[in-house]
């Protein structure tokens, strides 16, 4: 199955960093063509005029279990913040709160165009 995204503003992120208007063909799980493409017979065409299509971003540093702690003591230096906030909160996690934190982090990442993440495990204290 192939899908053609027709009329997008494409951010190719290679060769040229300038946006171009064109089509993007997705064949299975791979990009099958950019700009002017020949359509396979089973192609679904979706008009995405006015939309931007760009590569997914990669989050290179995330602590999934800390997502629920966002905004707590933002102005504290690192070590006091870890000792008085993060490590006690991580130690209080149970299976349900870890699951909620990971799901919230994944949802947040996907909504911000993040396609992959490198999760840094957190020590439970």
Protein backbone atom coordinates (compact mmCIF):
# COMPACT_ATOMS: atom_id res chain seq x y z
CA UNK A 1 0.00 0.00 0.00
CA UNK A 2 1.27 3.45 -0.91
CA UNK A 3 0.15 6.90 0.22
CA UNK A 4 0.80 10.12 -1.66
CA UNK A 5 0.79 13.34 0.35
CA UNK A 6 -0.10 15.86 -2.36
CA UNK A 7 0.73 19.56 -2.32
CA UNK A 8 2.74 19.71 0.91
CA UNK A 9 5.33 22.23 1.94
CA UNK A 10 8.28 19.88 2.24
CA UNK A 11 11.25 20.46 4.56
CA UNK A 12 13.75 18.01 3.06
CA UNK A 13 16.63 18.72 5.53
CA UNK A 14 19.24 17.76 2.93
CA UNK A 15 20.62 19.18 -0.29
CA UNK A 16 18.75 22.41 0.45
CA UNK A 17 17.30 23.66 3.68
CA UNK A 18 14.70 25.70 1.81
CA UNK A 19 11.10 24.53 1.84
CA UNK A 20 9.67 23.30 -1.45
CA UNK A 21 6.11 22.60 -2.49
CA UNK A 22 5.53 19.12 -3.77
CA UNK A 23 4.35 15.60 -3.18
CA UNK A 24 5.71 12.88 -0.91
CA UNK A 25 5.14 9.22 -1.73
CA UNK A 26 5.22 6.74 1.14
CA UNK A 27 5.48 3.12 -0.02
CA UNK A 28 4.99 0.73 2.87
CA UNK A 29 7.33 2.05 5.57
CA UNK A 30 9.70 3.93 3.26
CA UNK A 31 9.72 7.20 1.38
CA UNK A 32 9.17 6.21 -2.25
CA UNK A 33 9.63 9.60 -3.86
CA UNK A 34 9.66 13.35 -3.35
CA UNK A 35 8.36 16.19 -5.58
CA UNK A 36 7.20 14.70 -8.90
CA UNK A 37 6.50 10.99 -8.43
CA UNK A 38 5.02 8.11 -10.42
CA UNK A 39 2.12 6.58 -8.52
CA UNK A 40 1.79 2.84 -7.98
CA UNK A 41 -1.68 1.46 -8.76
CA UNK A 42 -2.79 1.03 -5.14
CA UNK A 43 -1.89 4.57 -4.03
CA UNK A 44 -4.16 6.51 -1.69
CA UNK A 45 -3.88 10.25 -2.40
CA UNK A 46 -4.29 12.71 0.48
CA UNK A 47 -4.42 16.45 -0.17
CA UNK A 48 -2.17 18.11 2.40
CA UNK A 49 -2.07 21.55 0.83
CA UNK A 50 -1.23 24.10 3.50
CA UNK A 51 0.52 21.50 5.67
CA UNK A 52 4.23 21.11 6.37
CA UNK A 53 5.88 17.70 6.04
CA UNK A 54 9.26 17.24 7.67
CA UNK A 55 11.43 14.40 8.96
CA UNK A 56 10.68 13.19 12.46
CA UNK A 57 12.84 14.64 15.20
CA UNK A 58 15.00 12.56 17.54
CA UNK A 59 14.93 13.20 21.28
CA UNK A 60 18.46 12.39 22.42
CA UNK A 61 18.00 12.81 26.18
CA UNK A 62 14.80 11.95 27.98
CA UNK A 63 13.89 10.47 31.37
CA UNK A 64 10.46 8.96 30.77
CA UNK A 65 9.71 8.43 34.44
CA UNK A 66 10.34 12.13 35.22
CA UNK A 67 7.68 13.52 32.90
CA UNK A 68 5.18 13.82 35.75
CA UNK A 69 7.66 16.01 37.63
CA UNK A 70 7.87 18.78 35.02
CA UNK A 71 7.71 22.24 36.50
CA UNK A 72 8.70 21.26 40.03
CA UNK A 73 11.36 23.56 41.45
CA UNK A 74 12.62 24.80 38.11
CA UNK A 75 14.88 27.42 39.71
CA UNK A 76 16.83 25.02 41.91
CA UNK A 77 20.46 24.00 41.26
CA UNK A 78 20.84 20.48 39.88
CA UNK A 79 22.00 18.48 42.93
CA UNK A 80 19.53 19.99 45.43
CA UNK A 81 16.78 19.52 42.85
CA UNK A 82 17.70 15.87 42.38
CA UNK A 83 18.06 15.19 46.12
CA UNK A 84 14.93 17.00 47.32
CA UNK A 85 12.59 16.55 44.37
CA UNK A 86 13.44 14.03 41.68
CA UNK A 87 14.95 11.15 43.65
CA UNK A 88 12.21 11.13 46.33
CA UNK A 89 9.52 11.35 43.66
CA UNK A 90 11.09 8.55 41.62
CA UNK A 91 11.28 6.39 44.76
CA UNK A 92 7.56 6.95 45.31
CA UNK A 93 6.63 5.74 41.81
CA UNK A 94 4.52 2.63 41.55
CA UNK A 95 3.65 0.65 38.42
CA UNK A 96 0.64 2.85 37.60
CA UNK A 97 2.48 6.16 37.99
CA UNK A 98 5.44 4.93 35.90
CA UNK A 99 3.02 3.82 33.18
CA UNK A 100 1.24 7.20 33.27
CA UNK A 101 4.53 9.11 33.12
CA UNK A 102 5.84 7.07 30.18
CA UNK A 103 2.56 7.41 28.27
CA UNK A 104 2.48 11.16 28.88
CA UNK A 105 6.08 11.46 27.67
CA UNK A 106 5.39 9.39 24.56
CA UNK A 107 2.27 11.40 23.73
CA UNK A 108 4.11 14.68 24.24
CA UNK A 109 6.97 13.49 22.05
CA UNK A 110 4.70 12.35 19.22
CA UNK A 111 2.73 15.61 19.30
CA UNK A 112 5.99 17.53 18.86
CA UNK A 113 7.10 15.46 15.81
CA UNK A 114 9.52 13.29 17.74
CA UNK A 115 9.91 9.98 15.92
CA UNK A 116 12.53 8.35 18.13
CA UNK A 117 13.95 8.79 21.61
CA UNK A 118 16.97 7.76 23.63
CA UNK A 119 15.69 7.05 27.13
CA UNK A 120 18.13 7.53 29.97
CA UNK A 121 17.17 5.22 32.79
CA UNK A 122 16.60 6.80 36.16
CA UNK A 123 17.81 5.38 39.44
CA UNK A 124 15.11 4.70 41.99
CA UNK A 125 16.22 6.05 45.33
